[in-house]
Amino acid sequence: MDRLIVKNFGPLKDIDIKLNKINLFIGENGSGKSVLGKLVTILKDPMSNINTFKNYNIDYLNNDTYIKYTANDKSYFKEFDGFSHSTNSVTLGSDSSSQYIPAERNLISLFNKYVTTFITADIPLPKFLLNFSSQYVRAREEIRELDLLNVKYKFQSDQERIFYSDKEYLLLEQSSSGIQSALPLYLTVKYFAKKHKSIIIEEPEQNLFPKAQTETIQYIIEQVSSTNNLFLMTHSPYVLSALNTLMMAYKAGNLGEEANKEVSKLFKEEQWINPSDFSAYYLENGIARDIKGRTGLISENEIDDISDEMACDFEDLLELYSEYSDDK
């Protein structure tokens, strides 16, 4: 597996992690998930340099910063040393490329419509968002129809249409917030999987109902080929549960021919995740903690801990309600 070391880079204080084919990072707001996702995007790109950090709005380099990414086969490494202000990288026949899918994708329907106005008005736009917008336009030209979350997307007559029935549709900017967030994700994941080795996705669950979150994770995994690397930054315990389910599908589906047939009725084999290809980390206080259990799946305690806080609050209120209602 590849290895990433990060010291004193914004919210990331002491990170030393192994990067796998599929990687999950979960944590509270401000824990550094987005910074880590953008950093991986930069480090996975052989053409990046010390100036690229500004393009992603993560220019946190200082004298105490140290960053090193090393490929498992030693064919590629990139190193940033803040103290000496040096950048070192070696690429030996690497064809690695990366593409970042930002949380701001939910604005893409309006952003693309008014991007010329923004530029003319000299509004400073993040370069990573401009790049994603450009890639999105290319994706919709190549993939002009797509089924997602019980609707159909069609790019017709220079309009992005969301069909809720065979004839009824809304324009993308008039559709629900969930669809406005999901469509750019679904479209670009399918497009990028054929063109980029690494795909980095921020908040795949954004604006989606839990069932839709699960369907979205299944779709993403299905698009990833044997040559792709995937990175997911999330807040959602439902995403963790969905990934655990797909790893369990792999484990159960490999117990023999009959088991394989039965599991395939529930989940497409393209959605199964080999636990050996999966890494998961919880970001907190500037460090990354491995949350995989001995079974290779995400520890159930980790998923429960994320949900338990709300359950504990409810139980406390229920006890108070019972106590004071009995007094009356």
Protein backbone atom coordinates (compact mmCIF):
# COMPACT_ATOMS: atom_id res chain seq x y z
CA MET A 1 0.00 0.00 0.00
CA ASP A 2 1.00 3.61 -0.50
CA ARG A 3 2.02 5.63 2.55
CA LEU A 4 1.20 9.24 3.46
CA ILE A 5 2.93 11.21 6.23
CA VAL A 6 1.70 14.71 7.14
CA LYS A 7 3.10 16.89 9.92
CA ASN A 8 1.71 20.31 10.89
CA PHE A 9 -0.36 21.10 7.82
CA GLY A 10 -3.44 23.11 8.79
CA PRO A 11 -5.72 20.89 10.93
CA LEU A 12 -3.55 17.84 10.17
CA LYS A 13 -0.95 17.58 12.94
CA ASP A 14 0.47 14.07 12.90
CA ILE A 15 -0.79 11.77 10.15
CA ASP A 16 0.87 8.50 9.14
CA ILE A 17 -1.48 6.29 7.15
CA LYS A 18 -1.52 3.53 4.56
CA LEU A 19 -3.53 4.25 1.42
CA ASN A 20 -5.45 1.39 -0.17
CA LYS A 21 -7.55 0.88 -3.28
CA ILE A 22 -10.64 2.20 -1.45
CA ASN A 23 -10.16 4.65 1.42
CA LEU A 24 -12.62 6.18 3.85
CA PHE A 25 -12.07 9.19 6.12
CA ILE A 26 -14.72 10.19 8.64
CA GLY A 27 -14.73 12.90 11.28
CA GLU A 28 -16.54 15.91 12.63
CA ASN A 29 -16.68 19.30 10.91
CA GLY A 30 -13.26 20.92 10.92
CA SER A 31 -11.40 17.66 11.54
CA GLY A 32 -9.44 18.00 8.30
CA LYS A 33 -11.25 15.63 5.94
CA SER A 34 -11.50 18.14 3.11
CA VAL A 35 -7.89 19.22 3.58
CA LEU A 36 -6.79 15.59 3.45
CA GLY A 37 -8.86 14.95 0.33
CA LYS A 38 -7.38 17.93 -1.48
CA LEU A 39 -3.91 16.98 -0.30
CA VAL A 40 -4.30 13.45 -1.69
CA THR A 41 -5.45 14.96 -5.00
CA ILE A 42 -2.31 17.08 -5.17
CA LEU A 43 0.07 14.32 -4.12
CA LYS A 44 -1.42 11.82 -6.57
CA ASP A 45 -0.76 14.22 -9.45
CA PRO A 46 2.84 13.98 -10.73
CA MET A 47 2.50 17.45 -12.28
CA SER A 48 1.68 19.21 -9.01
CA ASN A 49 4.15 21.42 -7.20
CA ILE A 50 4.36 23.68 -4.17
CA ASN A 51 2.18 26.30 -5.88
CA THR A 52 -0.67 23.83 -6.40
CA PHE A 53 -1.72 24.14 -2.75
CA LYS A 54 -3.05 27.66 -3.47
CA ASN A 55 -5.26 26.30 -6.26
CA TYR A 56 -7.07 24.16 -3.68
CA ASN A 57 -7.23 26.87 -0.99
CA ILE A 58 -5.06 24.83 1.40
CA ASP A 59 -1.92 26.93 1.45
CA TYR A 60 -0.95 25.83 4.98
CA LEU A 61 2.74 25.25 4.37
CA ASN A 62 4.98 26.66 7.09
CA ASN A 63 8.40 25.99 8.56
CA ASP A 64 7.08 23.06 10.64
CA THR A 65 5.27 21.36 7.75
CA TYR A 66 6.46 18.04 6.41
CA ILE A 67 4.55 16.00 3.82
CA LYS A 68 5.63 12.81 2.10
CA TYR A 69 3.69 10.49 -0.17
CA THR A 70 5.34 7.26 -1.32
CA ALA A 71 3.91 4.75 -3.79
CA ASN A 72 4.06 1.13 -2.71
CA ASP A 73 6.18 0.10 -5.71
CA LYS A 74 8.62 3.00 -5.09
CA SER A 75 8.00 4.25 -8.65
CA TYR A 76 6.68 7.55 -7.37
CA PHE A 77 7.16 9.77 -4.37
CA LYS A 78 6.54 13.42 -3.56
CA GLU A 79 7.90 15.32 -0.59
CA PHE A 80 7.36 18.86 0.75
CA ASP A 81 9.67 20.16 3.45
CA GLY A 82 8.46 23.46 4.90
CA PHE A 83 11.64 24.11 6.86
CA SER A 84 13.87 24.02 3.79
CA HIS A 85 11.06 25.21 1.46
CA SER A 86 11.95 22.36 -0.89
CA THR A 87 9.90 20.08 -3.10
CA ASN A 88 11.19 16.67 -4.11
CA SER A 89 9.47 14.22 -6.42
CA VAL A 90 10.39 11.21 -8.51
CA THR A 91 8.23 9.67 -11.20
CA LEU A 92 9.36 6.50 -12.97
CA GLY A 93 6.86 5.69 -15.66
CA SER A 94 3.90 6.58 -13.45
CA ASP A 95 0.62 7.32 -15.23
CA SER A 96 -1.10 8.39 -12.05
CA SER A 97 -3.71 11.13 -12.29
CA SER A 98 -6.30 12.34 -9.83
CA GLN A 99 -9.62 14.15 -9.86
CA TYR A 100 -11.35 15.85 -6.95
CA ILE A 101 -15.16 15.96 -6.66
CA PRO A 102 -15.88 18.82 -4.24
CA ALA A 103 -18.78 19.36 -1.84
CA GLU A 104 -19.51 22.54 -3.81
CA ARG A 105 -20.82 20.36 -6.67
CA ASN A 106 -24.35 21.10 -5.42
CA LEU A 107 -23.90 24.60 -6.88
CA ILE A 108 -22.84 23.38 -10.31
CA SER A 109 -26.24 23.84 -11.97
CA LEU A 110 -26.15 27.57 -11.18
CA PHE A 111 -22.38 27.96 -11.31
CA ASN A 112 -22.08 26.84 -14.94
CA LYS A 113 -24.98 29.05 -15.93
CA TYR A 114 -23.38 32.21 -14.55
CA VAL A 115 -19.67 31.42 -14.64
CA THR A 116 -19.03 33.97 -17.42
CA THR A 117 -20.70 36.65 -15.29
CA PHE A 118 -18.54 35.70 -12.30
CA ILE A 119 -15.35 35.93 -14.36
CA THR A 120 -16.37 39.22 -15.99
CA ALA A 121 -17.14 40.68 -12.55
CA ASP A 122 -13.64 39.63 -11.46
CA ILE A 123 -15.02 37.47 -8.64
CA PRO A 124 -12.17 35.28 -7.33
CA LEU A 125 -13.20 31.67 -7.95
CA PRO A 126 -11.28 28.67 -6.57
CA LYS A 127 -9.31 27.04 -9.35
CA PHE A 128 -10.31 23.56 -8.22
CA LEU A 129 -13.97 24.52 -8.64
CA LEU A 130 -13.34 25.98 -12.09
CA ASN A 131 -11.55 22.77 -13.03
CA PHE A 132 -14.40 20.61 -11.76
CA SER A 133 -16.91 22.77 -13.64
CA SER A 134 -14.95 22.30 -16.84
CA GLN A 135 -14.74 18.54 -16.31
CA TYR A 136 -18.45 18.39 -15.56
CA VAL A 137 -19.28 20.07 -18.88
CA ARG A 138 -17.18 17.46 -20.68
CA ALA A 139 -18.86 14.65 -18.75
CA ARG A 140 -22.39 15.75 -19.68
CA GLU A 141 -21.39 16.01 -23.35
CA GLU A 142 -20.16 12.40 -23.27
CA ILE A 143 -22.81 10.93 -20.95
CA ARG A 144 -26.04 12.54 -22.08
CA GLU A 145 -28.42 10.22 -20.23
CA LEU A 146 -28.17 8.67 -16.78
CA ASP A 147 -30.48 6.94 -14.31
CA LEU A 148 -30.11 7.98 -10.68
CA LEU A 149 -32.21 7.83 -7.51
CA ASN A 150 -35.50 6.96 -9.26
CA VAL A 151 -35.21 9.71 -11.88
CA LYS A 152 -33.61 9.98 -15.32
CA TYR A 153 -31.21 12.69 -16.37
CA LYS A 154 -31.05 13.83 -19.99
CA PHE A 155 -28.94 16.56 -21.55
CA GLN A 156 -31.16 17.75 -24.37
CA SER A 157 -31.30 20.98 -26.38
CA ASP A 158 -28.54 22.45 -24.18
CA GLN A 159 -30.74 21.87 -21.13
CA GLU A 160 -30.11 19.58 -18.19
CA ARG A 161 -33.43 17.87 -17.60
CA ILE A 162 -34.51 15.65 -14.72
CA PHE A 163 -37.37 13.35 -15.79
CA TYR A 164 -39.73 12.18 -13.07
CA SER A 165 -41.89 10.35 -15.61
CA ASP A 166 -41.61 9.57 -19.31
CA LYS A 167 -42.71 13.08 -20.29
CA GLU A 168 -42.55 15.25 -17.17
CA TYR A 169 -39.29 16.90 -16.23
CA LEU A 170 -37.72 19.77 -14.35
CA LEU A 171 -34.55 21.61 -15.21
CA LEU A 172 -31.66 20.60 -12.98
CA GLU A 173 -31.61 23.98 -11.18
CA GLN A 174 -35.33 23.53 -10.39
CA SER A 175 -34.98 20.02 -8.97
CA SER A 176 -34.46 19.01 -5.34
CA SER A 177 -31.25 19.82 -3.48
CA GLY A 178 -30.50 16.10 -3.29
CA ILE A 179 -30.66 15.69 -7.06
CA GLN A 180 -28.63 18.88 -7.62
CA SER A 181 -25.91 17.40 -5.42
CA ALA A 182 -26.15 13.78 -6.62
CA LEU A 183 -26.27 14.36 -10.38
CA PRO A 184 -22.83 16.01 -10.66
CA LEU A 185 -21.44 13.20 -8.48
CA TYR A 186 -23.03 10.37 -10.47
CA LEU A 187 -22.10 11.91 -13.79
CA THR A 188 -18.48 12.72 -13.03
CA VAL A 189 -17.74 9.46 -11.17
CA LYS A 190 -18.79 7.53 -14.27
CA TYR A 191 -16.73 9.88 -16.47
CA PHE A 192 -13.62 10.04 -14.28
CA ALA A 193 -13.45 6.27 -13.72
CA LYS A 194 -12.41 5.87 -17.36
CA LYS A 195 -9.91 8.73 -17.39
CA HIS A 196 -8.30 9.09 -13.94
CA LYS A 197 -6.55 6.62 -11.68
CA SER A 198 -7.60 8.31 -8.41
CA ILE A 199 -11.04 9.73 -7.61
CA ILE A 200 -11.45 11.79 -4.45
CA ILE A 201 -15.04 12.50 -3.31
CA GLU A 202 -16.05 14.94 -0.61
CA GLU A 203 -19.31 14.18 1.23
CA PRO A 204 -20.93 11.60 -1.10
CA GLU A 205 -23.95 11.69 1.22
CA GLN A 206 -24.60 15.39 0.72
CA ASN A 207 -28.34 16.33 0.91
CA LEU A 208 -29.43 12.70 0.57
CA PHE A 209 -31.90 10.57 2.55
CA PRO A 210 -30.23 7.53 4.22
CA LYS A 211 -31.60 5.08 1.61
CA ALA A 212 -30.29 7.32 -1.17
CA GLN A 213 -26.91 7.50 0.56
CA THR A 214 -26.70 3.70 0.46
CA GLU A 215 -27.68 3.60 -3.23
CA THR A 216 -25.09 6.26 -4.00
CA ILE A 217 -22.28 4.32 -2.33
CA GLN A 218 -23.30 1.19 -4.24
CA TYR A 219 -23.22 3.17 -7.50
CA ILE A 220 -19.80 4.68 -6.76
CA ILE A 221 -18.25 1.32 -5.93
CA GLU A 222 -19.78 -0.22 -9.05
CA GLN A 223 -18.09 2.42 -11.23
CA VAL A 224 -14.64 1.90 -9.74
CA SER A 225 -12.58 -0.51 -11.81
CA SER A 226 -9.62 -2.64 -10.82
CA THR A 227 -7.30 0.19 -11.85
CA ASN A 228 -8.99 3.03 -9.90
CA ASN A 229 -8.24 4.28 -6.40
CA LEU A 230 -11.11 5.81 -4.45
CA PHE A 231 -11.11 8.22 -1.50
CA LEU A 232 -14.30 9.12 0.38
CA MET A 233 -14.59 11.94 2.94
CA THR A 234 -17.79 11.69 4.96
CA HIS A 235 -19.74 12.68 8.07
CA SER A 236 -22.31 9.95 7.71
CA PRO A 237 -22.57 6.68 9.69
CA TYR A 238 -24.88 5.46 6.91
CA VAL A 239 -21.93 5.58 4.50
CA LEU A 240 -19.93 3.43 6.91
CA SER A 241 -22.78 0.92 7.18
CA ALA A 242 -23.19 0.80 3.40
CA LEU A 243 -19.49 0.06 2.92
CA ASN A 244 -19.56 -2.62 5.62
CA THR A 245 -22.51 -4.27 3.86
CA LEU A 246 -20.62 -4.41 0.57
CA MET A 247 -17.58 -5.91 2.30
CA MET A 248 -19.80 -8.50 3.96
CA ALA A 249 -21.27 -9.27 0.53
CA TYR A 250 -17.75 -10.06 -0.68
CA LYS A 251 -17.02 -12.30 2.32
CA ALA A 252 -20.34 -14.17 2.04
CA GLY A 253 -20.22 -14.36 -1.75
CA ASN A 254 -16.88 -16.12 -1.64
CA LEU A 255 -18.09 -19.00 0.53
CA GLY A 256 -18.92 -21.16 -2.47
CA GLU A 257 -20.94 -21.27 -5.68
CA GLU A 258 -24.36 -21.41 -4.02
CA ALA A 259 -23.51 -18.57 -1.64
CA ASN A 260 -22.25 -16.54 -4.60
CA LYS A 261 -25.58 -16.96 -6.41
CA GLU A 262 -27.62 -15.97 -3.37
CA VAL A 263 -25.52 -12.90 -2.55
CA SER A 264 -25.61 -11.83 -6.21
CA LYS A 265 -29.40 -11.64 -5.97
CA LEU A 266 -28.97 -8.94 -3.31
CA PHE A 267 -25.94 -7.04 -4.60
CA LYS A 268 -24.20 -6.96 -7.96
CA GLU A 269 -20.79 -8.57 -7.77
CA GLU A 270 -19.31 -5.31 -9.13
CA GLN A 271 -20.41 -3.68 -5.86
CA TRP A 272 -18.65 -6.15 -3.57
CA ILE A 273 -15.61 -4.80 -1.70
CA ASN A 274 -12.68 -7.00 -0.77
CA PRO A 275 -11.85 -5.94 2.82
CA SER A 276 -8.16 -6.27 1.95
CA ASP A 277 -8.62 -3.43 -0.56
CA PHE A 278 -10.20 -1.12 2.01
CA SER A 279 -8.80 1.31 4.60
CA ALA A 280 -10.78 3.47 7.04
CA TYR A 281 -9.64 6.24 9.38
CA TYR A 282 -11.31 8.54 11.89
CA LEU A 283 -9.85 12.06 11.93
CA GLU A 284 -9.77 13.78 15.31
CA ASN A 285 -7.44 16.31 16.97
CA GLY A 286 -5.14 16.35 13.99
CA ILE A 287 -4.47 12.60 13.88
CA ALA A 288 -5.95 9.67 11.93
CA ARG A 289 -7.07 6.58 13.84
CA ASP A 290 -7.53 3.24 12.05
CA ILE A 291 -11.14 2.10 12.56
CA LYS A 292 -11.04 -1.30 10.86
CA GLY A 293 -11.66 -4.26 13.13
CA ARG A 294 -10.12 -7.73 13.14
CA THR A 295 -12.72 -8.94 10.63
CA GLY A 296 -11.48 -6.43 8.05
CA LEU A 297 -14.73 -4.47 8.28
CA ILE A 298 -15.25 -1.12 10.00
CA SER A 299 -15.61 -1.83 13.70
CA GLU A 300 -19.26 -1.90 14.76
CA ASN A 301 -18.24 0.00 17.89
CA GLU A 302 -17.09 2.89 15.69
CA ILE A 303 -20.42 3.03 13.86
CA ASP A 304 -22.35 2.69 17.13
CA ASP A 305 -20.31 5.41 18.84
CA ILE A 306 -21.22 7.90 16.10
CA SER A 307 -24.92 7.14 16.52
CA ASP A 308 -24.97 6.54 20.28
CA GLU A 309 -24.61 10.17 21.30
CA MET A 310 -28.03 11.04 19.84
CA ALA A 311 -29.55 7.89 21.34
CA CYS A 312 -28.13 8.74 24.79
CA ASP A 313 -29.60 12.24 24.64
CA PHE A 314 -33.00 10.78 23.79
CA GLU A 315 -32.81 8.26 26.64
CA ASP A 316 -31.90 11.03 29.09
CA LEU A 317 -34.90 13.07 27.95
CA LEU A 318 -37.15 10.01 28.15
CA GLU A 319 -36.09 9.43 31.76
CA LEU A 320 -36.73 13.08 32.61
CA TYR A 321 -40.13 12.91 30.95
CA SER A 322 -41.06 9.78 32.92
CA GLU A 323 -39.81 11.29 36.17
CA TYR A 324 -41.69 14.55 35.91
CA SER A 325 -44.83 13.14 34.30
CA ASP A 326 -45.15 10.72 37.27
CA ASP A 327 -44.95 13.66 39.68
CA LYS A 328 -48.11 15.20 38.28
